[in-house]
Amino acid sequence: MDVPELSCSACSKTFVPSLEQLELISERKAAGAHIAMLKCPNCWMSFSVDLSTGIEPREETIYRCPVSRCTGIVANIENPENSSESVWGCSYCGSYWTNLIDLIGDIREAIRRHPYRERFYVETDAGYQPSTIDMDEKYYEMITQEPQDEASGFRRD
């Protein structure tokens, strides 16, 4: 099997995907997914791989999920047949937002409730952008100690 090298969109370093990552890519393709989220072994940042055009990193904005107790990331997932049907989805908890405005509102609320989350976002005139800081063990522990999310479904807007 010819295994392609991937290039991380965060640090631009290349690497050969691990067996676990290749299995994840295969599982996501079999499920009909258009992207797979991988973690770079060089910088430990997460990035997405576009499965609809081959194994290539996608340039995109990736946020830390603002949902209580969730340590996942949120990316814009576009329907390749109709880009107006894109959503912002978390690959870990399954939450999704149909527009960026509602996602930014939930980020604001998460920072209000849990000020330590602020370091993972950069406030701009347009709302928030993700920072380049990756999650460490301390952050992970704080997130997992947050109160359980009380939403009745995955849709957040």
N, C-alpha and C. Protein backbone atom coordinates (compact mmCIF):
# COMPACT_ATOMS: atom_id res chain seq x y z
N MET A 1 0.84 -1.19 0.00
CA MET A 1 0.00 0.00 0.00
C MET A 1 0.88 1.24 0.00
N ASP A 2 0.64 2.15 -0.93
CA ASP A 2 1.37 3.39 -1.02
C ASP A 2 0.73 4.39 -0.07
N VAL A 3 1.46 4.77 0.99
CA VAL A 3 0.92 5.67 2.00
C VAL A 3 1.42 7.08 1.71
N PRO A 4 0.49 8.03 1.47
CA PRO A 4 0.91 9.40 1.17
C PRO A 4 1.37 10.13 2.42
N GLU A 5 2.29 11.08 2.22
CA GLU A 5 2.65 11.96 3.32
C GLU A 5 1.60 13.04 3.44
N LEU A 6 1.32 13.46 4.66
CA LEU A 6 0.39 14.56 4.90
C LEU A 6 1.18 15.76 5.37
N SER A 7 0.63 16.93 5.15
CA SER A 7 1.25 18.17 5.59
C SER A 7 0.27 18.85 6.54
N CYS A 8 0.72 19.11 7.76
CA CYS A 8 -0.12 19.74 8.77
C CYS A 8 -0.37 21.20 8.38
N SER A 9 -1.62 21.63 8.42
CA SER A 9 -1.96 23.01 8.08
C SER A 9 -1.58 23.99 9.19
N ALA A 10 -1.27 23.48 10.39
CA ALA A 10 -0.88 24.36 11.50
C ALA A 10 0.63 24.65 11.49
N CYS A 11 1.46 23.59 11.34
CA CYS A 11 2.91 23.79 11.41
C CYS A 11 3.62 23.58 10.07
N SER A 12 2.88 23.10 9.07
CA SER A 12 3.40 22.86 7.71
C SER A 12 4.41 21.73 7.61
N LYS A 13 4.62 20.98 8.68
CA LYS A 13 5.54 19.84 8.61
C LYS A 13 4.81 18.65 8.01
N THR A 14 5.55 17.80 7.32
CA THR A 14 4.96 16.60 6.72
C THR A 14 5.19 15.40 7.62
N PHE A 15 4.32 14.41 7.48
CA PHE A 15 4.46 13.16 8.23
C PHE A 15 3.69 12.07 7.50
N VAL A 16 4.06 10.84 7.80
CA VAL A 16 3.34 9.69 7.26
C VAL A 16 2.28 9.32 8.30
N PRO A 17 1.01 9.20 7.89
CA PRO A 17 -0.04 8.87 8.85
C PRO A 17 0.23 7.52 9.52
N SER A 18 -0.11 7.45 10.79
CA SER A 18 0.03 6.20 11.54
C SER A 18 -1.04 5.21 11.06
N LEU A 19 -0.90 3.96 11.46
CA LEU A 19 -1.89 2.94 11.13
C LEU A 19 -3.26 3.33 11.68
N GLU A 20 -3.30 3.87 12.90
CA GLU A 20 -4.57 4.32 13.49
C GLU A 20 -5.20 5.43 12.66
N GLN A 21 -4.39 6.38 12.19
CA GLN A 21 -4.90 7.48 11.38
C GLN A 21 -5.42 6.97 10.04
N LEU A 22 -4.71 6.02 9.44
CA LEU A 22 -5.17 5.45 8.16
C LEU A 22 -6.48 4.70 8.35
N GLU A 23 -6.62 3.98 9.47
CA GLU A 23 -7.88 3.29 9.77
C GLU A 23 -9.02 4.29 9.95
N LEU A 24 -8.74 5.40 10.64
CA LEU A 24 -9.76 6.44 10.84
C LEU A 24 -10.19 7.01 9.49
N ILE A 25 -9.23 7.29 8.62
CA ILE A 25 -9.54 7.82 7.29
C ILE A 25 -10.43 6.83 6.54
N SER A 26 -10.09 5.55 6.59
CA SER A 26 -10.89 4.53 5.91
C SER A 26 -12.30 4.45 6.47
N GLU A 27 -12.41 4.49 7.80
CA GLU A 27 -13.73 4.43 8.45
C GLU A 27 -14.58 5.64 8.07
N ARG A 28 -13.98 6.84 8.07
CA ARG A 28 -14.71 8.06 7.72
C ARG A 28 -15.18 8.02 6.27
N LYS A 29 -14.30 7.54 5.36
CA LYS A 29 -14.68 7.41 3.95
C LYS A 29 -15.84 6.44 3.80
N ALA A 30 -15.76 5.29 4.48
CA ALA A 30 -16.81 4.27 4.39
C ALA A 30 -18.14 4.80 4.92
N ALA A 31 -18.08 5.72 5.88
CA ALA A 31 -19.30 6.30 6.45
C ALA A 31 -19.85 7.43 5.59
N GLY A 32 -19.15 7.77 4.51
CA GLY A 32 -19.62 8.83 3.62
C GLY A 32 -19.20 10.22 4.04
N ALA A 33 -18.26 10.32 4.99
CA ALA A 33 -17.80 11.62 5.46
C ALA A 33 -16.94 12.29 4.40
N HIS A 34 -16.89 13.61 4.46
CA HIS A 34 -16.08 14.37 3.52
C HIS A 34 -14.76 14.82 4.11
N ILE A 35 -14.65 14.76 5.46
CA ILE A 35 -13.38 15.11 6.11
C ILE A 35 -13.09 14.12 7.22
N ALA A 36 -11.83 14.08 7.61
CA ALA A 36 -11.39 13.34 8.80
C ALA A 36 -10.49 14.29 9.58
N MET A 37 -10.64 14.31 10.89
CA MET A 37 -9.81 15.15 11.74
C MET A 37 -8.65 14.32 12.26
N LEU A 38 -7.43 14.81 12.06
CA LEU A 38 -6.23 14.12 12.51
C LEU A 38 -5.42 15.04 13.41
N LYS A 39 -4.57 14.45 14.25
CA LYS A 39 -3.69 15.22 15.11
C LYS A 39 -2.28 15.09 14.56
N CYS A 40 -1.60 16.20 14.37
CA CYS A 40 -0.24 16.22 13.85
C CYS A 40 0.71 15.68 14.92
N PRO A 41 1.59 14.72 14.57
CA PRO A 41 2.54 14.19 15.55
C PRO A 41 3.70 15.15 15.82
N ASN A 42 3.79 16.23 15.05
CA ASN A 42 4.87 17.20 15.24
C ASN A 42 4.48 18.32 16.19
N CYS A 43 3.31 18.94 15.97
CA CYS A 43 2.90 20.08 16.80
C CYS A 43 1.69 19.75 17.68
N TRP A 44 1.07 18.61 17.48
CA TRP A 44 -0.10 18.13 18.24
C TRP A 44 -1.37 18.93 17.99
N MET A 45 -1.36 19.79 16.97
CA MET A 45 -2.57 20.51 16.60
C MET A 45 -3.43 19.60 15.73
N SER A 46 -4.73 19.79 15.79
CA SER A 46 -5.64 19.03 14.95
C SER A 46 -5.84 19.76 13.64
N PHE A 47 -6.01 19.00 12.56
CA PHE A 47 -6.30 19.57 11.26
C PHE A 47 -7.17 18.58 10.50
N SER A 48 -7.84 19.07 9.46
CA SER A 48 -8.74 18.19 8.72
C SER A 48 -8.12 17.76 7.41
N VAL A 49 -8.52 16.58 7.00
CA VAL A 49 -8.09 16.00 5.73
C VAL A 49 -9.32 15.90 4.85
N ASP A 50 -9.24 16.42 3.63
CA ASP A 50 -10.35 16.41 2.69
C ASP A 50 -10.43 15.03 2.03
N LEU A 51 -11.47 14.28 2.32
CA LEU A 51 -11.62 12.93 1.79
C LEU A 51 -12.27 12.90 0.42
N SER A 52 -12.90 14.00 0.02
CA SER A 52 -13.60 14.01 -1.27
C SER A 52 -12.65 14.22 -2.44
N THR A 53 -11.48 14.77 -2.19
CA THR A 53 -10.53 15.02 -3.28
C THR A 53 -9.22 14.27 -3.09
N GLY A 54 -9.19 13.32 -2.20
CA GLY A 54 -7.95 12.62 -1.89
C GLY A 54 -7.46 13.05 -0.54
N ILE A 55 -6.33 12.53 -0.12
CA ILE A 55 -5.81 12.84 1.20
C ILE A 55 -4.98 14.11 1.12
N GLU A 56 -5.64 15.24 1.37
CA GLU A 56 -4.98 16.54 1.35
C GLU A 56 -5.49 17.34 2.53
N PRO A 57 -4.61 18.07 3.20
CA PRO A 57 -5.09 18.92 4.29
C PRO A 57 -5.96 20.05 3.75
N ARG A 58 -6.97 20.41 4.52
CA ARG A 58 -7.84 21.53 4.14
C ARG A 58 -7.41 22.75 4.93
N GLU A 59 -7.39 23.87 4.26
CA GLU A 59 -7.11 25.13 4.94
C GLU A 59 -8.44 25.61 5.52
N GLU A 60 -8.51 25.72 6.82
CA GLU A 60 -9.77 26.15 7.43
C GLU A 60 -9.55 26.63 8.84
N THR A 61 -10.55 27.28 9.36
CA THR A 61 -10.54 27.75 10.73
C THR A 61 -11.11 26.65 11.62
N ILE A 62 -10.37 26.33 12.67
CA ILE A 62 -10.80 25.28 13.60
C ILE A 62 -10.83 25.88 15.01
N TYR A 63 -11.99 25.80 15.66
CA TYR A 63 -12.18 26.34 17.00
C TYR A 63 -12.18 25.21 18.03
N ARG A 64 -11.85 25.52 19.27
CA ARG A 64 -12.08 24.61 20.38
C ARG A 64 -13.59 24.60 20.61
N CYS A 65 -14.16 23.44 20.86
CA CYS A 65 -15.60 23.35 21.07
C CYS A 65 -15.99 24.09 22.36
N PRO A 66 -17.01 24.95 22.30
CA PRO A 66 -17.42 25.69 23.50
C PRO A 66 -18.40 24.94 24.40
N VAL A 67 -18.79 23.74 24.03
CA VAL A 67 -19.76 22.97 24.81
C VAL A 67 -19.12 22.51 26.12
N SER A 68 -19.84 22.67 27.22
CA SER A 68 -19.36 22.27 28.53
C SER A 68 -18.90 20.80 28.52
N ARG A 69 -17.74 20.56 29.11
CA ARG A 69 -17.11 19.24 29.25
C ARG A 69 -16.58 18.65 27.94
N CYS A 70 -16.64 19.38 26.84
CA CYS A 70 -16.17 18.85 25.56
C CYS A 70 -14.74 19.34 25.29
N THR A 71 -13.87 18.42 24.94
CA THR A 71 -12.47 18.74 24.62
C THR A 71 -12.22 18.67 23.11
N GLY A 72 -13.27 18.64 22.32
CA GLY A 72 -13.13 18.50 20.87
C GLY A 72 -12.89 19.82 20.16
N ILE A 73 -12.89 19.72 18.84
CA ILE A 73 -12.70 20.90 17.99
C ILE A 73 -13.88 21.04 17.05
N VAL A 74 -14.12 22.26 16.61
CA VAL A 74 -15.23 22.58 15.72
C VAL A 74 -14.65 23.09 14.40
N ALA A 75 -15.11 22.50 13.30
CA ALA A 75 -14.67 22.91 11.97
C ALA A 75 -15.89 23.14 11.09
N ASN A 76 -15.71 23.95 10.06
CA ASN A 76 -16.78 24.18 9.09
C ASN A 76 -16.79 23.00 8.13
N ILE A 77 -17.90 22.34 8.06
CA ILE A 77 -18.04 21.15 7.22
C ILE A 77 -19.02 21.50 6.12
N GLU A 78 -18.51 21.58 4.91
CA GLU A 78 -19.34 21.96 3.78
C GLU A 78 -19.86 20.75 3.03
N ASN A 79 -21.08 20.85 2.57
CA ASN A 79 -21.65 19.85 1.69
C ASN A 79 -21.08 20.14 0.30
N PRO A 80 -20.29 19.22 -0.28
CA PRO A 80 -19.66 19.53 -1.57
C PRO A 80 -20.66 19.74 -2.71
N GLU A 81 -21.89 19.29 -2.54
CA GLU A 81 -22.91 19.48 -3.57
C GLU A 81 -23.67 20.79 -3.41
N ASN A 82 -23.62 21.38 -2.20
CA ASN A 82 -24.33 22.63 -1.96
C ASN A 82 -23.66 23.35 -0.80
N SER A 83 -22.75 24.26 -1.10
CA SER A 83 -21.98 24.92 -0.05
C SER A 83 -22.85 25.77 0.89
N SER A 84 -24.08 26.08 0.51
CA SER A 84 -24.94 26.85 1.40
C SER A 84 -25.46 25.99 2.56
N GLU A 85 -25.20 24.71 2.52
CA GLU A 85 -25.64 23.81 3.58
C GLU A 85 -24.52 23.46 4.55
N SER A 86 -23.49 24.31 4.63
CA SER A 86 -22.40 24.01 5.54
C SER A 86 -22.84 24.21 6.99
N VAL A 87 -22.19 23.49 7.87
CA VAL A 87 -22.44 23.62 9.30
C VAL A 87 -21.09 23.67 10.01
N TRP A 88 -21.10 24.17 11.23
CA TRP A 88 -19.92 24.12 12.09
C TRP A 88 -20.16 22.96 13.04
N GLY A 89 -19.34 21.92 12.96
CA GLY A 89 -19.58 20.72 13.75
C GLY A 89 -18.39 20.29 14.59
N CYS A 90 -18.68 19.73 15.76
CA CYS A 90 -17.66 19.18 16.64
C CYS A 90 -17.55 17.68 16.39
N SER A 91 -16.35 17.24 16.11
CA SER A 91 -16.12 15.82 15.82
C SER A 91 -16.11 14.97 17.08
N TYR A 92 -16.12 15.59 18.26
CA TYR A 92 -16.05 14.83 19.50
C TYR A 92 -17.43 14.65 20.16
N CYS A 93 -18.14 15.76 20.38
CA CYS A 93 -19.43 15.66 21.08
C CYS A 93 -20.62 15.61 20.13
N GLY A 94 -20.41 15.92 18.85
CA GLY A 94 -21.49 15.86 17.87
C GLY A 94 -22.31 17.12 17.77
N SER A 95 -22.02 18.12 18.56
CA SER A 95 -22.76 19.39 18.50
C SER A 95 -22.48 20.08 17.18
N TYR A 96 -23.49 20.83 16.69
CA TYR A 96 -23.28 21.59 15.47
C TYR A 96 -24.09 22.88 15.47
N TRP A 97 -23.57 23.85 14.71
CA TRP A 97 -24.17 25.17 14.57
C TRP A 97 -24.37 25.41 13.09
N THR A 98 -25.53 25.92 12.68
CA THR A 98 -25.77 26.16 11.26
C THR A 98 -25.21 27.49 10.79
N ASN A 99 -24.67 28.30 11.73
CA ASN A 99 -24.03 29.55 11.31
C ASN A 99 -22.97 29.94 12.32
N LEU A 100 -22.02 30.72 11.85
CA LEU A 100 -20.89 31.15 12.67
C LEU A 100 -21.33 32.10 13.79
N ILE A 101 -22.34 32.89 13.57
CA ILE A 101 -22.81 33.84 14.58
C ILE A 101 -23.21 33.12 15.86
N ASP A 102 -23.95 32.02 15.74
CA ASP A 102 -24.36 31.27 16.92
C ASP A 102 -23.18 30.57 17.60
N LEU A 103 -22.24 30.07 16.79
CA LEU A 103 -21.03 29.46 17.36
C LEU A 103 -20.26 30.49 18.17
N ILE A 104 -20.07 31.69 17.61
CA ILE A 104 -19.35 32.76 18.32
C ILE A 104 -20.10 33.14 19.60
N GLY A 105 -21.43 33.16 19.55
CA GLY A 105 -22.21 33.44 20.76
C GLY A 105 -21.97 32.40 21.84
N ASP A 106 -21.88 31.13 21.45
CA ASP A 106 -21.61 30.07 22.43
C ASP A 106 -20.18 30.14 22.95
N ILE A 107 -19.24 30.57 22.11
CA ILE A 107 -17.87 30.78 22.58
C ILE A 107 -17.84 31.88 23.63
N ARG A 108 -18.55 32.99 23.36
CA ARG A 108 -18.64 34.09 24.34
C ARG A 108 -19.20 33.59 25.68
N GLU A 109 -20.26 32.80 25.59
CA GLU A 109 -20.89 32.27 26.81
C GLU A 109 -19.94 31.32 27.54
N ALA A 110 -19.21 30.49 26.82
CA ALA A 110 -18.26 29.55 27.45
C ALA A 110 -17.16 30.32 28.17
N ILE A 111 -16.68 31.41 27.57
CA ILE A 111 -15.65 32.24 28.21
C ILE A 111 -16.22 32.94 29.44
N ARG A 112 -17.47 33.40 29.36
CA ARG A 112 -18.10 34.05 30.52
C ARG A 112 -18.21 33.06 31.68
N ARG A 113 -18.61 31.84 31.40
CA ARG A 113 -18.77 30.83 32.45
C ARG A 113 -17.44 30.27 32.95
N HIS A 114 -16.48 30.15 32.03
CA HIS A 114 -15.20 29.51 32.33
C HIS A 114 -14.08 30.37 31.75
N PRO A 115 -13.63 31.40 32.49
CA PRO A 115 -12.65 32.35 31.96
C PRO A 115 -11.35 31.71 31.46
N TYR A 116 -10.97 30.56 31.97
CA TYR A 116 -9.74 29.91 31.50
C TYR A 116 -9.82 29.50 30.03
N ARG A 117 -11.01 29.43 29.47
CA ARG A 117 -11.17 29.09 28.04
C ARG A 117 -10.74 30.24 27.12
N GLU A 118 -10.66 31.45 27.66
CA GLU A 118 -10.36 32.61 26.83
C GLU A 118 -9.02 32.49 26.09
N ARG A 119 -8.05 31.82 26.67
CA ARG A 119 -6.73 31.74 26.02
C ARG A 119 -6.75 30.96 24.71
N PHE A 120 -7.83 30.26 24.43
CA PHE A 120 -7.92 29.47 23.21
C PHE A 120 -8.65 30.20 22.08
N TYR A 121 -8.97 31.47 22.33
CA TYR A 121 -9.64 32.30 21.33
C TYR A 121 -9.00 33.68 21.31
N VAL A 122 -9.03 34.32 20.16
CA VAL A 122 -8.53 35.68 20.01
C VAL A 122 -9.72 36.55 19.61
N GLU A 123 -10.04 37.53 20.47
CA GLU A 123 -11.18 38.40 20.16
C GLU A 123 -10.81 39.39 19.06
N THR A 124 -11.70 39.52 18.08
CA THR A 124 -11.51 40.46 16.97
C THR A 124 -12.78 41.31 16.85
N ASP A 125 -12.77 42.27 15.94
CA ASP A 125 -13.96 43.08 15.70
C ASP A 125 -15.12 42.22 15.21
N ALA A 126 -14.81 41.13 14.53
CA ALA A 126 -15.84 40.26 13.96
C ALA A 126 -16.28 39.16 14.92
N GLY A 127 -15.74 39.11 16.11
CA GLY A 127 -16.10 38.04 17.06
C GLY A 127 -14.87 37.40 17.64
N TYR A 128 -14.68 36.11 17.35
CA TYR A 128 -13.52 35.39 17.84
C TYR A 128 -12.89 34.58 16.74
N GLN A 129 -11.58 34.44 16.82
CA GLN A 129 -10.81 33.54 15.98
C GLN A 129 -10.09 32.58 16.93
N PRO A 130 -9.77 31.39 16.46
CA PRO A 130 -9.04 30.47 17.35
C PRO A 130 -7.60 30.95 17.56
N SER A 131 -7.08 30.72 18.75
CA SER A 131 -5.67 31.02 19.00
C SER A 131 -4.85 29.81 18.55
N THR A 132 -3.55 29.95 18.57
CA THR A 132 -2.68 28.84 18.17
C THR A 132 -2.27 27.97 19.35
N ILE A 133 -2.79 28.26 20.52
CA ILE A 133 -2.46 27.49 21.71
C ILE A 133 -3.19 26.16 21.67
N ASP A 134 -2.47 25.08 21.90
CA ASP A 134 -3.09 23.76 21.92
C ASP A 134 -3.45 23.39 23.35
N MET A 135 -4.32 22.43 23.49
CA MET A 135 -4.78 21.98 24.79
C MET A 135 -3.66 21.25 25.52
N ASP A 136 -3.50 21.53 26.79
CA ASP A 136 -2.54 20.79 27.61
C ASP A 136 -3.30 20.01 28.67
N GLU A 137 -2.59 19.26 29.46
CA GLU A 137 -3.22 18.39 30.47
C GLU A 137 -4.05 19.20 31.48
N LYS A 138 -3.56 20.36 31.90
CA LYS A 138 -4.28 21.20 32.87
C LYS A 138 -5.62 21.64 32.29
N TYR A 139 -5.60 22.11 31.04
CA TYR A 139 -6.84 22.53 30.37
C TYR A 139 -7.81 21.36 30.28
N TYR A 140 -7.31 20.20 29.87
CA TYR A 140 -8.15 19.01 29.75
C TYR A 140 -8.82 18.69 31.09
N GLU A 141 -8.07 18.74 32.16
CA GLU A 141 -8.64 18.46 33.48
C GLU A 141 -9.71 19.47 33.87
N MET A 142 -9.47 20.75 33.58
CA MET A 142 -10.48 21.78 33.92
C MET A 142 -11.76 21.57 33.11
N ILE A 143 -11.61 21.28 31.83
CA ILE A 143 -12.79 21.06 30.96
C ILE A 143 -13.61 19.89 31.48
N THR A 144 -12.96 18.79 31.81
CA THR A 144 -13.70 17.59 32.23
C THR A 144 -14.35 17.76 33.60
N GLN A 145 -13.99 18.82 34.34
CA GLN A 145 -14.62 19.10 35.63
C GLN A 145 -15.80 20.06 35.52
N GLU A 146 -16.04 20.59 34.32
CA GLU A 146 -17.16 21.52 34.14
C GLU A 146 -18.49 20.80 34.36
N PRO A 147 -19.55 21.57 34.66
CA PRO A 147 -20.87 20.95 34.80
C PRO A 147 -21.31 20.30 33.48
N GLN A 148 -22.08 19.27 33.60
CA GLN A 148 -22.58 18.57 32.40
C GLN A 148 -23.42 19.52 31.55
N ASP A 149 -23.26 19.43 30.25
CA ASP A 149 -24.04 20.24 29.32
C ASP A 149 -25.52 19.86 29.44
N GLU A 150 -26.39 20.87 29.42
CA GLU A 150 -27.82 20.61 29.61
C GLU A 150 -28.64 20.69 28.34
N ALA A 151 -27.99 20.79 27.19
CA ALA A 151 -28.74 20.88 25.92
C ALA A 151 -29.51 19.59 25.65
N SER A 152 -30.66 19.74 25.03
CA SER A 152 -31.51 18.57 24.76
C SER A 152 -31.19 17.89 23.43
N GLY A 153 -30.30 18.51 22.63
CA GLY A 153 -29.95 17.94 21.33
C GLY A 153 -28.60 18.42 20.88
N PHE A 154 -28.19 17.99 19.70
CA PHE A 154 -26.89 18.35 19.16
C PHE A 154 -26.89 19.70 18.45
N ARG A 155 -28.03 20.10 17.90
CA ARG A 155 -28.10 21.38 17.20
C ARG A 155 -28.08 22.51 18.23
N ARG A 156 -27.19 23.49 18.01
CA ARG A 156 -26.95 24.53 19.00
C ARG A 156 -27.50 25.90 18.65
N ASP A 157 -28.23 26.05 17.56
CA ASP A 157 -28.75 27.38 17.24
C ASP A 157 -30.27 27.36 17.17
